[in-house]
Amino acid sequence: MDEPTAALDPFAEYEIYTKFTEMITDRTAVLITHRMAAVQLAEKILVFQDGNIIESGTHKELYAHGGLYTEMFDKQAEFYVKANEEKENEEKYL
């Protein structure tokens, strides 16, 4: 599947990945995505750069390595983290 949820809202995206996970039980599947949250569904992650595999492993392994995967994951998560921190700060003063 290549970017299967690119045009979907979060609820539809959740349903797609739930069904996808059920469908691929005991099977091999390839998921191509730029959505780092979806990448965590994979047992093995391959990071490509200029057509070459530059990193491979699980989410935990790649994140601990601190390479390109970590950088991409943190970039996408940054907006969620900032929004959450702002919300927590607002709640402190209410």
PDB file of N, CA and C in Angstrom:
ATOM      1  N   MET A   1       0.858  -1.167   0.000  1.00  0.00           N
ATOM      2  CA  MET A   1       0.000   0.000   0.000  1.00  0.00           C
ATOM      3  C   MET A   1       0.906   1.233   0.000  1.00  0.00           C
ATOM      4  N   ASP A   2       0.621   2.173  -0.856  1.00  0.00           N
ATOM      5  CA  ASP A   2       1.416   3.388  -0.971  1.00  0.00           C
ATOM      6  C   ASP A   2       0.583   4.580  -0.502  1.00  0.00           C
ATOM      7  N   GLU A   3       0.937   5.137   0.650  1.00  0.00           N
ATOM      8  CA  GLU A   3       0.233   6.278   1.258  1.00  0.00           C
ATOM      9  C   GLU A   3      -1.282   6.061   1.263  1.00  0.00           C
ATOM     10  N   PRO A   4      -1.750   4.981   1.869  1.00  0.00           N
ATOM     11  CA  PRO A   4      -3.172   4.638   1.789  1.00  0.00           C
ATOM     12  C   PRO A   4      -4.107   5.608   2.510  1.00  0.00           C
ATOM     13  N   THR A   5      -3.595   6.443   3.377  1.00  0.00           N
ATOM     14  CA  THR A   5      -4.478   7.319   4.156  1.00  0.00           C
ATOM     15  C   THR A   5      -4.225   8.795   3.897  1.00  0.00           C
ATOM     16  N   ALA A   6      -3.538   9.122   2.827  1.00  0.00           N
ATOM     17  CA  ALA A   6      -3.115  10.497   2.567  1.00  0.00           C
ATOM     18  C   ALA A   6      -4.272  11.501   2.569  1.00  0.00           C
ATOM     19  N   ALA A   7      -5.431  11.125   2.098  1.00  0.00           N
ATOM     20  CA  ALA A   7      -6.545  12.073   1.987  1.00  0.00           C
ATOM     21  C   ALA A   7      -7.661  11.796   2.996  1.00  0.00           C
ATOM     22  N   LEU A   8      -7.360  11.060   4.043  1.00  0.00           N
ATOM     23  CA  LEU A   8      -8.397  10.670   4.994  1.00  0.00           C
ATOM     24  C   LEU A   8      -8.313  11.470   6.293  1.00  0.00           C
ATOM     25  N   ASP A   9      -9.463  11.584   6.950  1.00  0.00           N
ATOM     26  CA  ASP A   9      -9.474  12.207   8.271  1.00  0.00           C
ATOM     27  C   ASP A   9      -8.961  11.193   9.301  1.00  0.00           C
ATOM     28  N   PRO A  10      -8.646  11.627  10.516  1.00  0.00           N
ATOM     29  CA  PRO A  10      -8.053  10.716  11.509  1.00  0.00           C
ATOM     30  C   PRO A  10      -8.914   9.501  11.849  1.00  0.00           C
ATOM     31  N   PHE A  11     -10.237   9.642  11.820  1.00  0.00           N
ATOM     32  CA  PHE A  11     -11.106   8.510  12.154  1.00  0.00           C
ATOM     33  C   PHE A  11     -11.073   7.448  11.054  1.00  0.00           C
ATOM     34  N   ALA A  12     -11.129   7.896   9.803  1.00  0.00           N
ATOM     35  CA  ALA A  12     -11.052   6.962   8.680  1.00  0.00           C
ATOM     36  C   ALA A  12      -9.664   6.319   8.629  1.00  0.00           C
ATOM     37  N   GLU A  13      -8.630   7.102   8.919  1.00  0.00           N
ATOM     38  CA  GLU A  13      -7.267   6.574   8.934  1.00  0.00           C
ATOM     39  C   GLU A  13      -7.145   5.462   9.980  1.00  0.00           C
ATOM     40  N   TYR A  14      -7.711   5.675  11.157  1.00  0.00           N
ATOM     41  CA  TYR A  14      -7.688   4.663  12.213  1.00  0.00           C
ATOM     42  C   TYR A  14      -8.359   3.376  11.732  1.00  0.00           C
ATOM     43  N   GLU A  15      -9.514   3.523  11.085  1.00  0.00           N
ATOM     44  CA  GLU A  15     -10.233   2.343  10.597  1.00  0.00           C
ATOM     45  C   GLU A  15      -9.428   1.586   9.547  1.00  0.00           C
ATOM     46  N   ILE A  16      -8.815   2.326   8.640  1.00  0.00           N
ATOM     47  CA  ILE A  16      -8.011   1.694   7.584  1.00  0.00           C
ATOM     48  C   ILE A  16      -6.885   0.876   8.205  1.00  0.00           C
ATOM     49  N   TYR A  17      -6.150   1.482   9.147  1.00  0.00           N
ATOM     50  CA  TYR A  17      -5.020   0.772   9.746  1.00  0.00           C
ATOM     51  C   TYR A  17      -5.476  -0.381  10.622  1.00  0.00           C
ATOM     52  N   THR A  18      -6.619  -0.265  11.255  1.00  0.00           N
ATOM     53  CA  THR A  18      -7.165  -1.376  12.040  1.00  0.00           C
ATOM     54  C   THR A  18      -7.482  -2.552  11.124  1.00  0.00           C
ATOM     55  N   LYS A  19      -8.178  -2.283  10.027  1.00  0.00           N
ATOM     56  CA  LYS A  19      -8.522  -3.340   9.068  1.00  0.00           C
ATOM     57  C   LYS A  19      -7.263  -3.898   8.402  1.00  0.00           C
ATOM     58  N   PHE A  20      -6.329  -3.018   8.068  1.00  0.00           N
ATOM     59  CA  PHE A  20      -5.077  -3.437   7.441  1.00  0.00           C
ATOM     60  C   PHE A  20      -4.338  -4.420   8.343  1.00  0.00           C
ATOM     61  N   THR A  21      -4.248  -4.090   9.625  1.00  0.00           N
ATOM     62  CA  THR A  21      -3.568  -4.959  10.581  1.00  0.00           C
ATOM     63  C   THR A  21      -4.242  -6.324  10.653  1.00  0.00           C
ATOM     64  N   GLU A  22      -5.576  -6.345  10.636  1.00  0.00           N
ATOM     65  CA  GLU A  22      -6.313  -7.614  10.654  1.00  0.00           C
ATOM     66  C   GLU A  22      -6.046  -8.424   9.379  1.00  0.00           C
ATOM     67  N   MET A  23      -6.033  -7.732   8.234  1.00  0.00           N
ATOM     68  CA  MET A  23      -5.873  -8.409   6.945  1.00  0.00           C
ATOM     69  C   MET A  23      -4.496  -9.045   6.778  1.00  0.00           C
ATOM     70  N   ILE A  24      -3.476  -8.454   7.360  1.00  0.00           N
ATOM     71  CA  ILE A  24      -2.122  -8.941   7.106  1.00  0.00           C
ATOM     72  C   ILE A  24      -1.608  -9.923   8.153  1.00  0.00           C
ATOM     73  N   THR A  25      -2.456 -10.288   9.089  1.00  0.00           N
ATOM     74  CA  THR A  25      -2.037 -11.259  10.099  1.00  0.00           C
ATOM     75  C   THR A  25      -1.526 -12.516   9.405  1.00  0.00           C
ATOM     76  N   ASP A  26      -0.336 -12.955   9.781  1.00  0.00           N
ATOM     77  CA  ASP A  26       0.320 -14.135   9.201  1.00  0.00           C
ATOM     78  C   ASP A  26       0.655 -13.952   7.719  1.00  0.00           C
ATOM     79  N   ARG A  27       0.810 -12.710   7.287  1.00  0.00           N
ATOM     80  CA  ARG A  27       1.171 -12.415   5.894  1.00  0.00           C
ATOM     81  C   ARG A  27       2.273 -11.362   5.869  1.00  0.00           C
ATOM     82  N   THR A  28       2.903 -11.249   4.732  1.00  0.00           N
ATOM     83  CA  THR A  28       3.880 -10.183   4.514  1.00  0.00           C
ATOM     84  C   THR A  28       3.189  -9.075   3.743  1.00  0.00           C
ATOM     85  N   ALA A  29       3.375  -7.843   4.184  1.00  0.00           N
ATOM     86  CA  ALA A  29       2.791  -6.683   3.508  1.00  0.00           C
ATOM     87  C   ALA A  29       3.829  -5.578   3.449  1.00  0.00           C
ATOM     88  N   VAL A  30       3.734  -4.763   2.428  1.00  0.00           N
ATOM     89  CA  VAL A  30       4.627  -3.616   2.284  1.00  0.00           C
ATOM     90  C   VAL A  30       3.782  -2.358   2.369  1.00  0.00           C
ATOM     91  N   LEU A  31       4.166  -1.481   3.258  1.00  0.00           N
ATOM     92  CA  LEU A  31       3.468  -0.205   3.447  1.00  0.00           C
ATOM     93  C   LEU A  31       4.469   0.910   3.189  1.00  0.00           C
ATOM     94  N   ILE A  32       4.154   1.764   2.238  1.00  0.00           N
ATOM     95  CA  ILE A  32       5.009   2.911   1.934  1.00  0.00           C
ATOM     96  C   ILE A  32       4.305   4.141   2.470  1.00  0.00           C
ATOM     97  N   THR A  33       4.970   4.863   3.363  1.00  0.00           N
ATOM     98  CA  THR A  33       4.318   6.029   3.954  1.00  0.00           C
ATOM     99  C   THR A  33       5.344   7.044   4.436  1.00  0.00           C
ATOM    100  N   HIS A  34       4.893   8.272   4.514  1.00  0.00           N
ATOM    101  CA  HIS A  34       5.688   9.344   5.107  1.00  0.00           C
ATOM    102  C   HIS A  34       5.121   9.703   6.478  1.00  0.00           C
ATOM    103  N   ARG A  35       4.050   9.051   6.871  1.00  0.00           N
ATOM    104  CA  ARG A  35       3.431   9.301   8.177  1.00  0.00           C
ATOM    105  C   ARG A  35       4.127   8.419   9.201  1.00  0.00           C
ATOM    106  N   MET A  36       4.918   9.062  10.014  1.00  0.00           N
ATOM    107  CA  MET A  36       5.760   8.312  10.935  1.00  0.00           C
ATOM    108  C   MET A  36       4.958   7.539  11.983  1.00  0.00           C
ATOM    109  N   ALA A  37       3.796   8.024  12.351  1.00  0.00           N
ATOM    110  CA  ALA A  37       2.974   7.280  13.310  1.00  0.00           C
ATOM    111  C   ALA A  37       2.566   5.929  12.727  1.00  0.00           C
ATOM    112  N   ALA A  38       2.269   5.893  11.436  1.00  0.00           N
ATOM    113  CA  ALA A  38       1.868   4.647  10.786  1.00  0.00           C
ATOM    114  C   ALA A  38       3.036   3.680  10.666  1.00  0.00           C
ATOM    115  N   VAL A  39       4.228   4.203  10.564  1.00  0.00           N
ATOM    116  CA  VAL A  39       5.421   3.374  10.422  1.00  0.00           C
ATOM    117  C   VAL A  39       5.577   2.432  11.618  1.00  0.00           C
ATOM    118  N   GLN A  40       5.136   2.861  12.765  1.00  0.00           N
ATOM    119  CA  GLN A  40       5.289   2.050  13.980  1.00  0.00           C
ATOM    120  C   GLN A  40       4.505   0.743  13.918  1.00  0.00           C
ATOM    121  N   LEU A  41       3.582   0.623  12.968  1.00  0.00           N
ATOM    122  CA  LEU A  41       2.828  -0.621  12.794  1.00  0.00           C
ATOM    123  C   LEU A  41       3.714  -1.746  12.256  1.00  0.00           C
ATOM    124  N   ALA A  42       4.806  -1.379  11.636  1.00  0.00           N
ATOM    125  CA  ALA A  42       5.659  -2.361  10.962  1.00  0.00           C
ATOM    126  C   ALA A  42       6.567  -3.110  11.926  1.00  0.00           C
ATOM    127  N   GLU A  43       6.802  -4.369  11.620  1.00  0.00           N
ATOM    128  CA  GLU A  43       7.772  -5.163  12.381  1.00  0.00           C
ATOM    129  C   GLU A  43       9.192  -4.777  11.988  1.00  0.00           C
ATOM    130  N   LYS A  44       9.369  -4.387  10.724  1.00  0.00           N
ATOM    131  CA  LYS A  44      10.687  -3.970  10.243  1.00  0.00           C
ATOM    132  C   LYS A  44      10.500  -2.722   9.384  1.00  0.00           C
ATOM    133  N   ILE A  45      11.333  -1.738   9.633  1.00  0.00           N
ATOM    134  CA  ILE A  45      11.260  -0.459   8.931  1.00  0.00           C
ATOM    135  C   ILE A  45      12.539  -0.279   8.126  1.00  0.00           C
ATOM    136  N   LEU A  46      12.378   0.130   6.877  1.00  0.00           N
ATOM    137  CA  LEU A  46      13.517   0.454   6.025  1.00  0.00           C
ATOM    138  C   LEU A  46      13.452   1.942   5.707  1.00  0.00           C
ATOM    139  N   VAL A  47      14.541   2.640   5.917  1.00  0.00           N
ATOM    140  CA  VAL A  47      14.624   4.067   5.610  1.00  0.00           C
ATOM    141  C   VAL A  47      15.470   4.216   4.364  1.00  0.00           C
ATOM    142  N   PHE A  48      14.885   4.839   3.347  1.00  0.00           N
ATOM    143  CA  PHE A  48      15.570   5.036   2.080  1.00  0.00           C
ATOM    144  C   PHE A  48      16.040   6.479   1.933  1.00  0.00           C
ATOM    145  N   GLN A  49      17.174   6.631   1.299  1.00  0.00           N
ATOM    146  CA  GLN A  49      17.665   7.954   0.924  1.00  0.00           C
ATOM    147  C   GLN A  49      18.400   7.806  -0.401  1.00  0.00           C
ATOM    148  N   ASP A  50      17.995   8.596  -1.377  1.00  0.00           N
ATOM    149  CA  ASP A  50      18.599   8.532  -2.708  1.00  0.00           C
ATOM    150  C   ASP A  50      18.566   7.110  -3.281  1.00  0.00           C
ATOM    151  N   GLY A  51      17.463   6.396  -3.028  1.00  0.00           N
ATOM    152  CA  GLY A  51      17.299   5.057  -3.574  1.00  0.00           C
ATOM    153  C   GLY A  51      18.035   3.957  -2.845  1.00  0.00           C
ATOM    154  N   ASN A  52      18.681   4.292  -1.738  1.00  0.00           N
ATOM    155  CA  ASN A  52      19.432   3.300  -0.971  1.00  0.00           C
ATOM    156  C   ASN A  52      18.863   3.156   0.431  1.00  0.00           C
ATOM    157  N   ILE A  53      18.919   1.940   0.957  1.00  0.00           N
ATOM    158  CA  ILE A  53      18.518   1.715   2.344  1.00  0.00           C
ATOM    159  C   ILE A  53      19.648   2.201   3.237  1.00  0.00           C
ATOM    160  N   ILE A  54      19.332   3.181   4.099  1.00  0.00           N
ATOM    161  CA  ILE A  54      20.374   3.720   4.977  1.00  0.00           C
ATOM    162  C   ILE A  54      20.172   3.327   6.438  1.00  0.00           C
ATOM    163  N   GLU A  55      18.968   2.871   6.774  1.00  0.00           N
ATOM    164  CA  GLU A  55      18.690   2.406   8.136  1.00  0.00           C
ATOM    165  C   GLU A  55      17.636   1.312   8.059  1.00  0.00           C
ATOM    166  N   SER A  56      17.689   0.360   8.972  1.00  0.00           N
ATOM    167  CA  SER A  56      16.642  -0.657   9.069  1.00  0.00           C
ATOM    168  C   SER A  56      16.567  -1.162  10.498  1.00  0.00           C
ATOM    169  N   GLY A  57      15.355  -1.519  10.891  1.00  0.00           N
ATOM    170  CA  GLY A  57      15.133  -2.040  12.232  1.00  0.00           C
ATOM    171  C   GLY A  57      13.715  -1.763  12.680  1.00  0.00           C
ATOM    172  N   THR A  58      13.474  -1.935  13.961  1.00  0.00           N
ATOM    173  CA  THR A  58      12.168  -1.617  14.536  1.00  0.00           C
ATOM    174  C   THR A  58      12.129  -0.118  14.861  1.00  0.00           C
ATOM    175  N   HIS A  59      10.949   0.364  15.185  1.00  0.00           N
ATOM    176  CA  HIS A  59      10.825   1.770  15.586  1.00  0.00           C
ATOM    177  C   HIS A  59      11.752   2.069  16.759  1.00  0.00           C
ATOM    178  N   LYS A  60      11.718   1.211  17.749  1.00  0.00           N
ATOM    179  CA  LYS A  60      12.523   1.429  18.956  1.00  0.00           C
ATOM    180  C   LYS A  60      14.023   1.459  18.627  1.00  0.00           C
ATOM    181  N   GLU A  61      14.466   0.513  17.801  1.00  0.00           N
ATOM    182  CA  GLU A  61      15.879   0.461  17.428  1.00  0.00           C
ATOM    183  C   GLU A  61      16.302   1.700  16.635  1.00  0.00           C
ATOM    184  N   LEU A  62      15.481   2.054  15.654  1.00  0.00           N
ATOM    185  CA  LEU A  62      15.825   3.197  14.808  1.00  0.00           C
ATOM    186  C   LEU A  62      15.790   4.504  15.590  1.00  0.00           C
ATOM    187  N   TYR A  63      14.806   4.628  16.457  1.00  0.00           N
ATOM    188  CA  TYR A  63      14.710   5.864  17.231  1.00  0.00           C
ATOM    189  C   TYR A  63      15.917   5.999  18.168  1.00  0.00           C
ATOM    190  N   ALA A  64      16.311   4.904  18.779  1.00  0.00           N
ATOM    191  CA  ALA A  64      17.465   4.923  19.687  1.00  0.00           C
ATOM    192  C   ALA A  64      18.764   5.224  18.935  1.00  0.00           C
ATOM    193  N   HIS A  65      18.827   4.832  17.675  1.00  0.00           N
ATOM    194  CA  HIS A  65      20.024   5.063  16.850  1.00  0.00           C
ATOM    195  C   HIS A  65      20.282   6.551  16.641  1.00  0.00           C
ATOM    196  N   GLY A  66      19.219   7.346  16.546  1.00  0.00           N
ATOM    197  CA  GLY A  66      19.377   8.791  16.416  1.00  0.00           C
ATOM    198  C   GLY A  66      19.725   9.280  15.024  1.00  0.00           C
ATOM    199  N   GLY A  67      19.406   8.512  14.002  1.00  0.00           N
ATOM    200  CA  GLY A  67      19.727   8.901  12.630  1.00  0.00           C
ATOM    201  C   GLY A  67      18.591   9.654  11.942  1.00  0.00           C
ATOM    202  N   LEU A  68      18.489   9.444  10.644  1.00  0.00           N
ATOM    203  CA  LEU A  68      17.477  10.129   9.843  1.00  0.00           C
ATOM    204  C   LEU A  68      16.071   9.778  10.292  1.00  0.00           C
ATOM    205  N   TYR A  69      15.839   8.512  10.631  1.00  0.00           N
ATOM    206  CA  TYR A  69      14.511   8.099  11.103  1.00  0.00           C
ATOM    207  C   TYR A  69      14.095   8.932  12.304  1.00  0.00           C
ATOM    208  N   THR A  70      14.977   9.054  13.277  1.00  0.00           N
ATOM    209  CA  THR A  70      14.688   9.834  14.480  1.00  0.00           C
ATOM    210  C   THR A  70      14.383  11.280  14.123  1.00  0.00           C
ATOM    211  N   GLU A  71      15.174  11.833  13.236  1.00  0.00           N
ATOM    212  CA  GLU A  71      14.974  13.221  12.811  1.00  0.00           C
ATOM    213  C   GLU A  71      13.598  13.406  12.162  1.00  0.00           C
ATOM    214  N   MET A  72      13.230  12.491  11.274  1.00  0.00           N
ATOM    215  CA  MET A  72      11.925  12.588  10.604  1.00  0.00           C
ATOM    216  C   MET A  72      10.790  12.401  11.607  1.00  0.00           C
ATOM    217  N   PHE A  73      10.923  11.426  12.492  1.00  0.00           N
ATOM    218  CA  PHE A  73       9.880  11.172  13.488  1.00  0.00           C
ATOM    219  C   PHE A  73       9.678  12.400  14.368  1.00  0.00           C
ATOM    220  N   ASP A  74      10.773  12.966  14.850  1.00  0.00           N
ATOM    221  CA  ASP A  74      10.693  14.133  15.723  1.00  0.00           C
ATOM    222  C   ASP A  74      10.096  15.336  15.012  1.00  0.00           C
ATOM    223  N   LYS A  75      10.407  15.526  13.743  1.00  0.00           N
ATOM    224  CA  LYS A  75       9.846  16.641  12.979  1.00  0.00           C
ATOM    225  C   LYS A  75       8.333  16.529  12.901  1.00  0.00           C
ATOM    226  N   GLN A  76       7.821  15.340  12.603  1.00  0.00           N
ATOM    227  CA  GLN A  76       6.370  15.191  12.516  1.00  0.00           C
ATOM    228  C   GLN A  76       5.724  15.290  13.887  1.00  0.00           C
ATOM    229  N   ALA A  77       6.359  14.789  14.910  1.00  0.00           N
ATOM    230  CA  ALA A  77       5.796  14.808  16.256  1.00  0.00           C
ATOM    231  C   ALA A  77       5.860  16.199  16.886  1.00  0.00           C
ATOM    232  N   GLU A  78       6.745  17.046  16.394  1.00  0.00           N
ATOM    233  CA  GLU A  78       6.986  18.359  16.991  1.00  0.00           C
ATOM    234  C   GLU A  78       5.702  19.174  17.153  1.00  0.00           C
ATOM    235  N   PHE A  79       4.859  19.186  16.153  1.00  0.00           N
ATOM    236  CA  PHE A  79       3.637  19.976  16.217  1.00  0.00           C
ATOM    237  C   PHE A  79       2.662  19.432  17.259  1.00  0.00           C
ATOM    238  N   TYR A  80       2.599  18.111  17.386  1.00  0.00           N
ATOM    239  CA  TYR A  80       1.731  17.506  18.388  1.00  0.00           C
ATOM    240  C   TYR A  80       2.258  17.780  19.795  1.00  0.00           C
ATOM    241  N   VAL A  81       3.558  17.676  19.957  1.00  0.00           N
ATOM    242  CA  VAL A  81       4.177  17.912  21.263  1.00  0.00           C
ATOM    243  C   VAL A  81       3.986  19.368  21.680  1.00  0.00           C
ATOM    244  N   LYS A  82       4.238  20.298  20.756  1.00  0.00           N
ATOM    245  CA  LYS A  82       4.070  21.719  21.061  1.00  0.00           C
ATOM    246  C   LYS A  82       2.625  22.037  21.421  1.00  0.00           C
ATOM    247  N   ALA A  83       1.685  21.502  20.656  1.00  0.00           N
ATOM    248  CA  ALA A  83       0.271  21.753  20.926  1.00  0.00           C
ATOM    249  C   ALA A  83      -0.113  21.218  22.295  1.00  0.00           C
ATOM    250  N   ASN A  84       0.393  20.044  22.648  1.00  0.00           N
ATOM    251  CA  ASN A  84       0.097  19.445  23.946  1.00  0.00           C
ATOM    252  C   ASN A  84       0.703  20.268  25.079  1.00  0.00           C
ATOM    253  N   GLU A  85       1.929  20.732  24.890  1.00  0.00           N
ATOM    254  CA  GLU A  85       2.590  21.558  25.913  1.00  0.00           C
ATOM    255  C   GLU A  85       1.849  22.873  26.108  1.00  0.00           C
ATOM    256  N   GLU A  86       1.403  23.491  25.015  1.00  0.00           N
ATOM    257  CA  GLU A  86       0.652  24.740  25.100  1.00  0.00           C
ATOM    258  C   GLU A  86      -0.660  24.530  25.839  1.00  0.00           C
ATOM    259  N   LYS A  87      -1.318  23.420  25.553  1.00  0.00           N
ATOM    260  CA  LYS A  87      -2.587  23.105  26.217  1.00  0.00           C
ATOM    261  C   LYS A  87      -2.358  22.909  27.718  1.00  0.00           C
ATOM    262  N   GLU A  88      -1.307  22.169  28.074  1.00  0.00           N
ATOM    263  CA  GLU A  88      -0.994  21.939  29.489  1.00  0.00           C
ATOM    264  C   GLU A  88      -0.675  23.250  30.192  1.00  0.00           C
ATOM    265  N   ASN A  89       0.063  24.152  29.528  1.00  0.00           N
ATOM    266  CA  ASN A  89       0.378  25.453  30.122  1.00  0.00           C
ATOM    267  C   ASN A  89      -0.883  26.298  30.315  1.00  0.00           C
ATOM    268  N   GLU A  90      -1.792  26.261  29.356  1.00  0.00           N
ATOM    269  CA  GLU A  90      -3.043  26.992  29.482  1.00  0.00           C
ATOM    270  C   GLU A  90      -3.867  26.471  30.663  1.00  0.00           C
ATOM    271  N   GLU A  91      -3.895  25.156  30.821  1.00  0.00           N
ATOM    272  CA  GLU A  91      -4.670  24.543  31.898  1.00  0.00           C
ATOM    273  C   GLU A  91      -4.113  24.893  33.273  1.00  0.00           C
ATOM    274  N   LYS A  92      -2.801  25.126  33.367  1.00  0.00           N
ATOM    275  CA  LYS A  92      -2.193  25.507  34.646  1.00  0.00           C
ATOM    276  C   LYS A  92      -2.729  26.839  35.134  1.00  0.00           C
ATOM    277  N   TYR A  93      -3.029  27.724  34.191  1.00  0.00           N
ATOM    278  CA  TYR A  93      -3.427  29.084  34.560  1.00  0.00           C
ATOM    279  C   TYR A  93      -4.930  29.278  34.597  1.00  0.00           C
ATOM    280  N   LEU A  94      -5.692  28.229  34.374  1.00  0.00           N
ATOM    281  CA  LEU A  94      -7.169  28.339  34.423  1.00  0.00           C
ATOM    282  C   LEU A  94      -7.689  28.081  35.807  1.00  0.00           C
TER     283      LEU A  94
END
